[in-house]
Every structure is written in structure tokens, then in C-alpha cells.
N, C-alpha and C. Protein backbone atom coordinates (compact mmCIF):
# COMPACT_ATOMS: atom_id res chain seq x y z
N UNK A 1 22.82 78.93 -132.89
CA UNK A 1 23.36 80.03 -132.39
C UNK A 1 23.27 81.46 -132.82
N UNK A 2 23.55 82.65 -132.26
CA UNK A 2 23.72 83.86 -132.49
C UNK A 2 25.10 84.51 -132.43
N UNK A 3 25.36 85.54 -133.38
CA UNK A 3 26.27 86.56 -132.75
C UNK A 3 25.93 86.91 -131.72
N UNK A 4 27.03 87.44 -130.90
CA UNK A 4 27.12 87.76 -129.58
C UNK A 4 26.35 89.20 -129.91
N UNK A 5 26.27 90.05 -130.44
CA UNK A 5 25.40 91.42 -130.72
C UNK A 5 24.15 91.24 -131.10
N UNK A 6 23.62 90.04 -131.44
CA UNK A 6 22.46 90.09 -132.22
C UNK A 6 21.15 89.90 -130.94
N UNK A 7 19.94 90.41 -130.99
CA UNK A 7 18.91 90.15 -130.29
C UNK A 7 18.69 88.75 -129.77
N UNK A 8 18.57 88.29 -128.68
CA UNK A 8 17.86 86.99 -128.36
C UNK A 8 16.53 86.73 -128.80
N UNK A 9 15.95 87.51 -129.30
CA UNK A 9 14.63 87.48 -129.98
C UNK A 9 14.59 86.91 -131.13
N UNK A 10 15.76 86.69 -131.90
CA UNK A 10 15.88 86.42 -133.09
C UNK A 10 15.91 84.79 -133.23
N UNK A 11 16.07 84.30 -131.95
CA UNK A 11 15.79 82.78 -131.91
C UNK A 11 14.73 82.45 -131.93
N UNK A 12 13.61 83.30 -131.80
CA UNK A 12 12.51 82.72 -131.85
C UNK A 12 12.00 82.69 -133.19
N UNK A 13 10.58 81.69 -133.58
CA UNK A 13 10.16 81.57 -134.67
C UNK A 13 9.44 82.81 -134.85
N UNK A 14 9.63 83.16 -136.54
CA UNK A 14 8.69 84.21 -137.32
C UNK A 14 9.06 85.59 -136.71
N UNK A 15 10.06 85.58 -136.09
CA UNK A 15 11.01 86.89 -135.42
C UNK A 15 12.15 87.24 -136.53
N UNK A 16 12.12 88.40 -137.29
CA UNK A 16 13.17 88.75 -138.04
C UNK A 16 13.63 90.23 -137.52
N UNK A 17 14.75 90.67 -138.29
CA UNK A 17 15.37 92.01 -138.10
C UNK A 17 14.38 93.15 -138.08
N UNK A 18 13.55 93.19 -139.04
CA UNK A 18 12.29 94.17 -139.20
C UNK A 18 11.30 94.07 -137.98
N UNK A 19 11.21 92.90 -137.72
CA UNK A 19 10.10 92.95 -136.57
C UNK A 19 10.83 93.51 -135.16
N UNK A 20 11.87 93.19 -135.06
CA UNK A 20 12.77 93.71 -133.93
C UNK A 20 12.90 95.25 -133.92
N UNK A 21 13.05 96.07 -135.14
CA UNK A 21 13.06 97.47 -135.18
C UNK A 21 11.80 97.93 -134.76
N UNK A 22 10.90 97.34 -135.07
CA UNK A 22 9.41 97.84 -134.64
C UNK A 22 9.04 97.55 -133.35
N UNK A 23 9.21 96.69 -132.70
CA UNK A 23 8.85 96.31 -131.19
C UNK A 23 9.72 96.92 -130.12
N UNK A 24 11.20 97.16 -130.54
CA UNK A 24 12.13 97.91 -129.88
C UNK A 24 11.89 99.60 -130.02
N UNK A 25 11.20 99.95 -130.96
CA UNK A 25 11.04 101.29 -130.90
C UNK A 25 9.38 101.72 -130.42
N UNK A 26 8.55 100.81 -130.14
CA UNK A 26 7.50 100.93 -130.09
C UNK A 26 7.32 101.99 -129.04
N UNK A 27 6.16 102.82 -128.93
CA UNK A 27 5.81 103.87 -128.00
C UNK A 27 5.43 103.13 -126.86
N UNK A 28 4.44 102.24 -126.90
CA UNK A 28 4.12 101.63 -125.62
C UNK A 28 4.78 100.46 -125.05
N UNK A 29 5.40 99.62 -125.65
CA UNK A 29 5.81 98.31 -125.22
C UNK A 29 7.25 98.40 -125.27
N UNK A 30 8.18 98.75 -126.24
CA UNK A 30 9.63 98.90 -126.19
C UNK A 30 10.04 97.30 -125.76
N UNK A 31 9.96 96.48 -126.38
CA UNK A 31 10.29 94.80 -126.19
C UNK A 31 11.60 94.91 -126.73
N UNK A 32 12.57 94.49 -125.69
CA UNK A 32 14.14 94.54 -125.87
C UNK A 32 14.77 93.01 -125.50
N UNK A 33 13.79 92.25 -124.96
CA UNK A 33 14.46 91.05 -124.43
C UNK A 33 13.23 89.91 -124.29
N UNK A 34 13.61 88.53 -124.47
CA UNK A 34 12.61 87.65 -124.44
C UNK A 34 11.64 88.02 -123.09
N UNK A 35 12.19 88.23 -121.91
CA UNK A 35 11.57 88.26 -120.69
C UNK A 35 10.31 89.55 -120.82
N UNK A 36 10.94 90.65 -121.71
CA UNK A 36 9.84 91.68 -122.11
C UNK A 36 8.94 91.12 -122.71
N UNK A 37 9.18 90.21 -123.58
CA UNK A 37 7.67 89.55 -124.52
C UNK A 37 7.07 88.94 -123.60
N UNK A 38 7.53 88.10 -122.95
CA UNK A 38 6.78 86.97 -122.11
C UNK A 38 6.01 87.78 -121.01
N UNK A 39 6.35 88.92 -120.54
CA UNK A 39 5.83 89.73 -119.73
C UNK A 39 4.63 90.55 -120.00
N UNK A 40 4.44 90.70 -121.45
CA UNK A 40 3.48 91.29 -121.89
C UNK A 40 1.82 90.83 -121.48
N UNK A 41 1.05 91.75 -121.23
CA UNK A 41 -0.30 91.30 -120.91
C UNK A 41 -1.03 90.44 -122.22
N UNK A 42 -1.77 89.37 -122.04
CA UNK A 42 -2.01 88.72 -123.10
C UNK A 42 -3.01 89.26 -123.95
N UNK A 43 -3.75 90.54 -123.48
CA UNK A 43 -4.59 91.22 -124.30
C UNK A 43 -3.77 92.10 -125.27
N UNK A 44 -2.51 92.40 -125.02
CA UNK A 44 -1.89 93.12 -125.91
C UNK A 44 -0.84 92.59 -126.91
N UNK A 45 -1.56 91.03 -126.99
CA UNK A 45 -0.66 90.23 -128.15
C UNK A 45 -1.55 90.09 -129.22
N UNK A 46 -0.83 89.65 -130.06
CA UNK A 46 -1.55 89.48 -131.39
C UNK A 46 -2.06 87.90 -131.49
N UNK A 47 -3.22 87.52 -132.35
CA UNK A 47 -3.86 86.34 -132.21
C UNK A 47 -3.88 85.44 -133.40
N UNK A 48 -2.79 85.09 -133.98
CA UNK A 48 -2.80 84.56 -134.88
C UNK A 48 -2.19 82.89 -134.96
N UNK A 49 -1.96 82.15 -135.89
CA UNK A 49 -1.49 80.73 -135.71
C UNK A 49 0.14 80.85 -135.59
N UNK A 50 0.56 81.86 -136.19
CA UNK A 50 2.10 81.90 -136.16
C UNK A 50 2.55 82.53 -134.60
N UNK A 51 1.81 83.20 -134.24
CA UNK A 51 1.68 83.98 -132.84
C UNK A 51 1.61 82.85 -131.70
N UNK A 52 0.44 81.99 -132.00
CA UNK A 52 0.08 80.81 -131.30
C UNK A 52 1.64 79.79 -130.89
N UNK A 53 2.05 79.69 -132.22
CA UNK A 53 3.57 78.75 -132.11
C UNK A 53 4.35 79.63 -131.25
N UNK A 54 4.78 80.68 -131.76
CA UNK A 54 5.50 81.61 -130.78
C UNK A 54 5.50 81.62 -129.34
N UNK A 55 4.36 81.41 -128.88
CA UNK A 55 3.78 81.59 -127.45
C UNK A 55 4.31 80.06 -127.12
N UNK A 56 4.01 79.12 -127.68
CA UNK A 56 4.56 77.65 -127.32
C UNK A 56 6.01 77.67 -127.03
N UNK A 57 6.47 78.38 -127.95
CA UNK A 57 8.28 78.24 -127.85
C UNK A 57 8.42 78.92 -126.41
N UNK A 58 8.01 80.30 -126.47
CA UNK A 58 8.42 81.11 -125.41
C UNK A 58 7.94 80.09 -123.85
N UNK A 59 6.82 79.44 -124.06
CA UNK A 59 6.71 78.90 -122.81
C UNK A 59 7.62 77.85 -122.06
N UNK A 60 8.51 77.29 -123.63
CA UNK A 60 9.42 76.13 -123.31
C UNK A 60 10.77 76.97 -122.65
N UNK A 61 10.97 77.99 -122.67
CA UNK A 61 12.21 78.72 -121.80
C UNK A 61 12.16 78.65 -120.63
N UNK A 62 13.11 78.12 -120.17
CA UNK A 62 13.24 78.07 -118.33
C UNK A 62 13.57 79.34 -117.74
N UNK A 63 13.22 79.51 -116.75
CA UNK A 63 13.05 81.07 -115.97
C UNK A 63 14.31 80.66 -115.14
N UNK A 64 15.47 81.16 -115.45
CA UNK A 64 16.51 81.12 -114.35
C UNK A 64 16.98 82.35 -114.04
N UNK A 65 17.42 82.38 -112.66
CA UNK A 65 18.22 83.98 -112.00
C UNK A 65 19.47 83.33 -111.48
N UNK A 66 20.43 84.14 -111.88
CA UNK A 66 21.84 83.98 -111.19
C UNK A 66 22.23 85.06 -110.78
N UNK A 67 23.00 84.76 -109.61
CA UNK A 67 23.78 85.80 -108.86
C UNK A 67 25.27 85.41 -109.06
N UNK A 68 25.92 86.34 -109.65
CA UNK A 68 27.39 86.38 -109.52
C UNK A 68 27.96 86.98 -108.50
N UNK A 69 28.84 86.47 -107.67
CA UNK A 69 30.03 86.71 -106.72
C UNK A 69 31.21 86.57 -107.11
N UNK A 70 31.90 87.91 -107.10
CA UNK A 70 33.32 87.71 -107.56
C UNK A 70 34.04 87.87 -106.12
N UNK A 71 34.98 86.70 -105.96
CA UNK A 71 35.74 87.02 -104.82
C UNK A 71 37.22 86.02 -105.23
N UNK A 72 38.27 86.49 -104.14
CA UNK A 72 39.70 85.87 -104.47
C UNK A 72 39.93 85.11 -103.32
N UNK A 73 40.50 83.66 -104.15
CA UNK A 73 40.66 82.63 -103.02
C UNK A 73 41.97 82.63 -102.74
N UNK A 74 42.36 82.48 -101.54
CA UNK A 74 44.12 82.12 -100.84
C UNK A 74 44.35 80.83 -100.94
């Protein structure tokens, strides 16, 4: 688990605080979430062994959409 204020990207293998600073401030990509990373075009991604393992982990994340509705029950 992570502290509440930490980026969910830190759950991924090989991702460290320094990486987060670089990708969140990148002029072209601005990656701030796991969904942003998954949404990148394949051609924009690195191609090395660490990156391949990272992609395998990303592929195992479930894609869940939630809708929250607040109401008062009498």
C-alpha cells in the first residue's frame, strides 16, 4: 500500500519518485496516472526488459468504471 498522498504510479515495478518528476512535467506526455501511462501509444514507449515487465504489470490491472450516487433514504 501507499500513503494517501503518494502517486499510484509508485505501485508499478521500477517506478521511483525521480521518474514521476520527469514524466509528470514532460512537455508532450504529462503522465499523472496509471490510465495515462496505459493510454500512451506503443511507439512513444521505451523498449527494454524493465519496460516489458512494467507493461506486463499494467496489463494485469483491471479496468473499472464506477458511478457514485448520493441519496437520502427515508
